[in-house]
Amino acid sequence: MAHQVETMAYVGTTPWHGLGSKLSRHQPLEVWQHEAGMNWHIEESPVRFLSDSAAHLGSIHTFPEQKVLYRSDTKAPLSVVSQRYKVVQPFDVLEFYRDLTEYAGFELETAGVLKGGRKFWALARTGQASVLKGNDLVNGYLLLATSCDGTLSTVATPTTVRVVCNNTLAIAVDGAAESIKVPHNTEFNAKAVKRQLGISVAQWDDFMYRMKHLSQRKVNTGEALGYFLRVICDTEQDVEDRRELTQHRALQKVQVLYAGKGRGSQMASAQDTAWGLLNAVTEYVDHEKRARSIDHRLDSAWFGQGATLKQKALDHALELIA
């Protein structure tokens, strides 16, 4: 099956999804633009159609309310959108990080294109880091992503990556992700988003304070099973003969990851703790969940059902320390 990832670049160790070509550190954005496959732009054209009616055979008509978006390099169509749709270009996503990388200590780590150009992103390490007990290191990142087919607003999301296993988790406080979303009927204003992110990025200490509490919250076998049932199966009861097979398999997998098979599951921060419960789910989503391909898993883990499941896992974990 063809990959959803058109092109991708990264620095440092191979990303958890195992995709992309490696760059040396501190490359200029123009190098990232080329190596990440973002050296093209989105062009627009009015919608035109050919009539096949007997009275107007061969006539070309226009539909002015909508426009076609297509790639400048291959001319491949990307989507049909309304005239109100505000396009964010691939290089705009990289340009967002220019002052952050030059003056604020950020460093780009991955960038790339999904679904033939319909979605693209860049991920930068912020320089923030926290260590949980047992030397369990968690680093801070900022993910900026957008689409040109209406499936995703332009979204800036503060994100954590647990180094031992590369599990990713969007920073969320009080049950809501700290993302800044700009819908495509609004112009993307990078400076305004950064001003808003100044507030969100400040939530790092609060978020990691809660993660430390999760790492200190011991859980017993019954609590662990109840947690996984709520997260995976939406039930407090045993799943025998009453849940779908896929849910049952997922339940078994997260339990195995939690019980010692997961990366970092035997660290002091995770063994028999609420932090271990959460990371069993994030590892399942990022590395183990069934997907048509690795790149489909990436798309789901960041933007789709996988991201929703990880948020649900976080919400239920935080209930254990409420």
Protein backbone atom coordinates (compact mmCIF):
# COMPACT_ATOMS: atom_id res chain seq x y z
CA MET A 1 0.00 0.00 0.00
CA ALA A 2 1.31 3.47 -0.86
CA HIS A 3 2.53 5.57 2.02
CA GLN A 4 0.55 8.60 3.11
CA VAL A 5 3.84 10.39 3.80
CA GLU A 6 4.90 12.11 0.60
CA THR A 7 8.26 13.25 1.99
CA MET A 8 9.73 13.87 5.42
CA ALA A 9 12.98 15.01 7.04
CA TYR A 10 14.30 14.73 10.59
CA VAL A 11 17.35 15.37 12.75
CA GLY A 12 18.77 13.26 15.59
CA THR A 13 17.55 9.74 16.20
CA THR A 14 15.08 8.09 13.87
CA PRO A 15 11.54 9.26 14.75
CA TRP A 16 9.18 6.81 16.47
CA HIS A 17 7.31 6.28 13.20
CA GLY A 18 10.53 5.28 11.45
CA LEU A 19 10.00 7.48 8.38
CA GLY A 20 12.01 10.17 6.64
CA SER A 21 15.52 11.19 5.58
CA LYS A 22 18.08 12.38 8.12
CA LEU A 23 19.51 15.92 8.26
CA SER A 24 22.39 17.30 10.29
CA ARG A 25 21.36 19.73 13.03
CA HIS A 26 20.77 23.46 12.67
CA GLN A 27 20.02 23.45 8.95
CA PRO A 28 18.42 26.62 7.51
CA LEU A 29 14.71 26.52 6.79
CA GLU A 30 15.37 26.50 3.06
CA VAL A 31 17.16 23.14 3.44
CA TRP A 32 14.27 21.82 5.50
CA GLN A 33 11.87 23.04 2.82
CA HIS A 34 13.64 20.98 0.18
CA GLU A 35 14.41 17.85 2.19
CA ALA A 36 10.97 17.69 3.82
CA GLY A 37 9.27 17.89 0.44
CA MET A 38 7.71 21.28 1.18
CA ASN A 39 9.37 23.18 -1.69
CA TRP A 40 6.13 23.72 -3.62
CA HIS A 41 3.12 25.91 -3.09
CA ILE A 42 -0.63 25.59 -3.35
CA GLU A 43 -2.21 27.22 -6.40
CA GLU A 44 -5.87 28.02 -6.99
CA SER A 45 -8.17 27.80 -9.97
CA PRO A 46 -11.91 28.46 -10.43
CA VAL A 47 -14.04 25.33 -10.68
CA ARG A 48 -14.89 24.62 -14.31
CA PHE A 49 -16.92 21.79 -15.74
CA LEU A 50 -17.79 20.45 -19.19
CA SER A 51 -21.45 20.12 -20.03
CA ASP A 52 -22.58 16.95 -21.79
CA SER A 53 -26.20 17.95 -22.27
CA ALA A 54 -27.51 17.90 -25.85
CA ALA A 55 -28.27 21.61 -25.84
CA HIS A 56 -24.83 22.63 -24.53
CA LEU A 57 -22.60 19.75 -25.61
CA GLY A 58 -18.96 20.58 -24.97
CA SER A 59 -19.71 23.88 -23.27
CA ILE A 60 -17.39 24.88 -20.42
CA HIS A 61 -19.07 26.44 -17.39
CA THR A 62 -17.70 27.89 -14.16
CA PHE A 63 -18.85 27.52 -10.57
CA PRO A 64 -17.59 30.74 -8.97
CA GLU A 65 -18.55 29.83 -5.39
CA GLN A 66 -15.73 27.26 -5.17
CA LYS A 67 -12.13 26.82 -6.26
CA VAL A 68 -9.72 23.96 -6.90
CA LEU A 69 -6.47 23.82 -4.94
CA TYR A 70 -3.57 22.05 -6.63
CA ARG A 71 0.20 21.58 -6.30
CA SER A 72 2.47 23.94 -8.18
CA ASP A 73 5.03 21.23 -8.95
CA THR A 74 2.95 18.29 -10.13
CA LYS A 75 -0.35 20.13 -10.80
CA ALA A 76 -2.01 17.31 -8.86
CA PRO A 77 -5.41 18.37 -7.44
CA LEU A 78 -5.63 18.60 -3.66
CA SER A 79 -9.21 19.63 -2.91
CA VAL A 80 -12.24 21.71 -3.89
CA VAL A 81 -13.02 24.40 -1.33
CA SER A 82 -15.13 27.53 -1.03
CA GLN A 83 -13.84 30.91 -2.13
CA ARG A 84 -13.67 31.86 1.56
CA TYR A 85 -11.03 29.21 2.22
CA LYS A 86 -7.73 30.76 3.35
CA VAL A 87 -4.74 28.74 2.20
CA VAL A 88 -1.71 28.17 4.43
CA GLN A 89 1.33 27.32 2.32
CA PRO A 90 3.79 24.51 3.16
CA PHE A 91 6.61 26.99 3.69
CA ASP A 92 4.41 29.05 6.02
CA VAL A 93 4.52 26.14 8.45
CA LEU A 94 8.32 26.14 8.44
CA GLU A 95 8.57 29.95 8.47
CA PHE A 96 6.53 29.94 11.69
CA TYR A 97 9.61 28.58 13.46
CA ARG A 98 12.21 30.99 12.06
CA ASP A 99 12.40 33.38 15.00
CA LEU A 100 11.73 30.55 17.47
CA THR A 101 14.76 28.62 16.22
CA GLU A 102 16.98 31.68 15.82
CA TYR A 103 16.22 33.46 19.10
CA ALA A 104 14.13 31.28 21.43
CA GLY A 105 16.15 28.06 21.58
CA PHE A 106 13.73 25.90 19.58
CA GLU A 107 15.13 23.24 17.24
CA LEU A 108 13.26 21.65 14.35
CA GLU A 109 13.25 17.85 14.60
CA THR A 110 10.77 16.65 11.97
CA ALA A 111 8.78 18.13 9.11
CA GLY A 112 6.92 16.60 6.23
CA VAL A 113 3.93 16.11 3.99
CA LEU A 114 1.04 13.67 4.33
CA LYS A 115 -1.57 12.46 1.88
CA GLY A 116 0.10 13.77 -1.26
CA GLY A 117 0.20 17.34 0.04
CA ARG A 118 -3.22 17.59 1.66
CA LYS A 119 -1.66 17.82 5.12
CA PHE A 120 1.77 19.02 6.28
CA TRP A 121 3.50 19.72 9.58
CA ALA A 122 6.68 20.63 11.44
CA LEU A 123 7.68 19.61 14.96
CA ALA A 124 10.26 21.48 17.04
CA ARG A 125 11.78 20.79 20.42
CA THR A 126 11.20 23.74 22.74
CA GLY A 127 14.07 23.18 25.15
CA GLN A 128 11.70 22.43 28.03
CA ALA A 129 12.32 19.19 29.90
CA SER A 130 11.32 17.46 33.13
CA VAL A 131 12.64 14.34 34.83
CA LEU A 132 10.31 12.00 36.71
CA LYS A 133 11.57 9.57 39.33
CA GLY A 134 13.96 6.94 38.05
CA ASN A 135 15.46 9.38 35.52
CA ASP A 136 12.40 9.26 33.24
CA LEU A 137 12.99 12.22 30.90
CA VAL A 138 10.13 14.05 29.19
CA ASN A 139 10.88 16.77 26.60
CA GLY A 140 8.66 19.58 25.37
CA TYR A 141 7.79 20.12 21.71
CA LEU A 142 5.61 22.35 19.57
CA LEU A 143 3.73 20.81 16.65
CA LEU A 144 2.33 23.05 13.90
CA ALA A 145 0.16 21.34 11.30
CA THR A 146 -2.43 22.26 8.71
CA SER A 147 -4.37 20.86 5.78
CA CYS A 148 -5.69 22.14 2.49
CA ASP A 149 -8.67 19.79 2.22
CA GLY A 150 -10.73 20.94 5.19
CA THR A 151 -9.83 17.97 7.41
CA LEU A 152 -7.68 20.00 9.80
CA SER A 153 -7.53 23.62 10.89
CA THR A 154 -4.11 25.18 11.24
CA VAL A 155 -3.20 23.89 14.70
CA ALA A 156 -0.29 24.70 17.01
CA THR A 157 -0.09 22.05 19.74
CA PRO A 158 2.34 21.95 22.68
CA THR A 159 3.36 18.31 22.93
CA THR A 160 5.46 16.07 25.18
CA VAL A 161 7.69 13.19 24.12
CA ARG A 162 8.79 10.61 26.69
CA VAL A 163 12.37 9.89 25.67
CA VAL A 164 12.61 6.25 26.76
CA CYS A 165 9.82 5.18 24.42
CA ASN A 166 9.13 8.19 22.16
CA ASN A 167 5.50 8.22 23.27
CA THR A 168 3.81 11.48 22.28
CA LEU A 169 1.11 13.28 24.24
CA ALA A 170 -0.52 16.65 23.62
CA ILE A 171 -0.28 18.94 26.64
CA ALA A 172 -3.72 19.33 28.18
CA VAL A 173 -4.86 21.17 31.29
CA ASP A 174 -8.30 20.93 32.88
CA GLY A 175 -9.51 18.42 30.29
CA ALA A 176 -8.69 20.49 27.20
CA ALA A 177 -5.69 20.36 24.90
CA GLU A 178 -3.65 23.55 24.93
CA SER A 179 -3.85 23.83 21.13
CA ILE A 180 -4.31 27.06 19.22
CA LYS A 181 -6.64 26.45 16.26
CA VAL A 182 -7.07 28.79 13.30
CA PRO A 183 -9.93 27.74 10.98
CA HIS A 184 -9.41 28.14 7.25
CA ASN A 185 -12.05 30.84 6.93
CA THR A 186 -9.63 33.04 8.90
CA GLU A 187 -6.21 34.33 7.86
CA PHE A 188 -3.38 32.54 9.65
CA ASN A 189 -1.52 35.15 11.71
CA ALA A 190 1.69 33.59 12.99
CA LYS A 191 2.45 36.43 15.41
CA ALA A 192 -1.00 36.22 16.99
CA VAL A 193 -0.68 32.44 17.40
CA LYS A 194 2.71 32.86 19.08
CA ARG A 195 1.27 35.42 21.47
CA GLN A 196 -1.46 32.95 22.43
CA LEU A 197 1.09 30.14 22.72
CA GLY A 198 3.01 32.23 25.21
CA ILE A 199 0.19 31.46 27.60
CA SER A 200 -0.07 27.81 26.60
CA VAL A 201 3.67 27.11 26.77
CA ALA A 202 3.61 28.54 30.29
CA GLN A 203 1.34 25.61 31.18
CA TRP A 204 4.32 23.24 30.91
CA ASP A 205 5.13 23.40 34.63
CA ASP A 206 1.50 22.83 35.59
CA PHE A 207 1.15 19.90 33.21
CA MET A 208 4.39 18.22 34.30
CA TYR A 209 3.47 18.79 37.95
CA ARG A 210 0.41 16.63 37.28
CA MET A 211 2.50 14.05 35.42
CA LYS A 212 4.80 13.81 38.46
CA HIS A 213 1.75 13.17 40.61
CA LEU A 214 0.72 10.40 38.20
CA SER A 215 4.18 8.85 38.58
CA GLN A 216 3.75 8.89 42.38
CA ARG A 217 0.19 7.50 42.37
CA LYS A 218 0.40 3.76 42.99
CA VAL A 219 -2.41 1.66 41.52
CA ASN A 220 -3.48 -1.88 42.30
CA THR A 221 -4.53 -4.59 39.86
CA GLY A 222 -8.24 -3.76 40.14
CA GLU A 223 -7.67 -0.06 39.53
CA ALA A 224 -5.52 -0.84 36.51
CA LEU A 225 -8.16 -3.08 34.95
CA GLY A 226 -10.90 -0.53 35.66
CA TYR A 227 -8.83 2.20 34.02
CA PHE A 228 -8.22 0.21 30.85
CA LEU A 229 -11.86 -0.84 30.63
CA ARG A 230 -12.99 2.78 30.81
CA VAL A 231 -10.41 3.99 28.28
CA ILE A 232 -10.52 1.14 25.78
CA CYS A 233 -14.02 -0.27 26.17
CA ASP A 234 -16.12 2.55 27.68
CA THR A 235 -17.27 0.23 30.45
CA GLU A 236 -16.54 -0.60 34.07
CA GLN A 237 -17.40 -4.28 33.56
CA ASP A 238 -15.51 -7.32 32.32
CA VAL A 239 -15.44 -7.56 28.51
CA GLU A 240 -16.01 -11.30 28.16
CA ASP A 241 -18.52 -12.10 25.40
CA ARG A 242 -19.85 -8.56 25.38
CA ARG A 243 -17.30 -6.41 23.61
CA GLU A 244 -16.04 -6.35 20.09
CA LEU A 245 -12.99 -8.50 19.35
CA THR A 246 -10.92 -5.47 18.36
CA GLN A 247 -11.57 -3.87 21.73
CA HIS A 248 -10.69 -7.11 23.48
CA ARG A 249 -7.37 -7.30 21.61
CA ALA A 250 -6.61 -3.68 22.43
CA LEU A 251 -7.40 -4.29 26.09
CA GLN A 252 -5.07 -7.28 26.19
CA LYS A 253 -2.31 -5.30 24.46
CA VAL A 254 -2.34 -2.31 26.82
CA GLN A 255 -2.39 -4.65 29.81
CA VAL A 256 0.69 -6.46 28.50
CA LEU A 257 2.48 -3.16 27.84
CA TYR A 258 1.64 -1.94 31.33
CA ALA A 259 2.68 -5.20 32.98
CA GLY A 260 6.30 -4.93 31.83
CA LYS A 261 6.50 -5.34 28.06
CA GLY A 262 6.18 -1.63 27.27
CA ARG A 263 9.26 0.52 26.78
CA GLY A 264 9.99 2.17 30.11
CA SER A 265 7.22 0.24 31.86
CA GLN A 266 9.64 -1.09 34.48
CA MET A 267 11.02 2.31 35.43
CA ALA A 268 10.24 3.57 38.92
CA SER A 269 7.99 6.28 37.50
CA ALA A 270 5.80 3.80 35.59
CA GLN A 271 5.77 0.46 37.44
CA ASP A 272 2.39 0.06 39.17
CA THR A 273 1.59 3.77 38.77
CA ALA A 274 -0.98 5.94 37.00
CA TRP A 275 1.83 7.27 34.79
CA GLY A 276 2.45 3.69 33.69
CA LEU A 277 -1.23 3.27 32.85
CA LEU A 278 -1.20 6.39 30.68
CA ASN A 279 1.97 5.39 28.86
CA ALA A 280 0.64 1.91 28.13
CA VAL A 281 -2.11 3.59 26.10
CA THR A 282 0.14 6.17 24.42
CA GLU A 283 2.60 3.44 23.44
CA TYR A 284 -0.25 1.34 22.08
CA VAL A 285 -1.48 4.25 19.94
CA ASP A 286 1.95 5.38 18.74
CA HIS A 287 3.58 2.00 18.17
CA GLU A 288 1.21 -0.96 18.42
CA LYS A 289 -2.31 -0.05 17.27
CA ARG A 290 -3.34 -1.73 14.05
CA ALA A 291 -2.96 0.57 11.07
CA ARG A 292 -2.78 0.19 7.31
CA SER A 293 0.78 1.53 7.43
CA ILE A 294 3.19 3.33 9.75
CA ASP A 295 2.27 6.66 8.22
CA HIS A 296 -1.45 6.05 8.74
CA ARG A 297 -0.57 5.44 12.40
CA LEU A 298 1.30 8.77 12.54
CA ASP A 299 -1.68 10.61 11.08
CA SER A 300 -4.03 8.97 13.57
CA ALA A 301 -1.75 9.46 16.57
CA TRP A 302 -1.37 13.18 15.95
CA PHE A 303 -4.61 14.21 14.29
CA GLY A 304 -7.19 11.43 14.34
CA GLN A 305 -8.68 8.63 16.43
CA GLY A 306 -5.37 7.86 18.09
CA ALA A 307 -5.05 11.43 19.37
CA THR A 308 -8.61 11.24 20.73
CA LEU A 309 -7.82 7.97 22.54
CA LYS A 310 -4.69 9.44 24.11
CA GLN A 311 -6.66 12.45 25.35
CA LYS A 312 -9.24 10.08 26.85
CA ALA A 313 -6.45 8.13 28.55
CA LEU A 314 -5.05 11.34 30.02
CA ASP A 315 -8.45 12.45 31.30
CA HIS A 316 -9.05 9.15 33.10
CA ALA A 317 -5.51 9.08 34.50
CA LEU A 318 -5.94 12.54 35.97
CA GLU A 319 -9.13 11.36 37.67
CA LEU A 320 -6.94 9.02 39.73
CA ILE A 321 -5.15 11.98 41.32
CA ALA A 322 -8.13 14.34 41.53
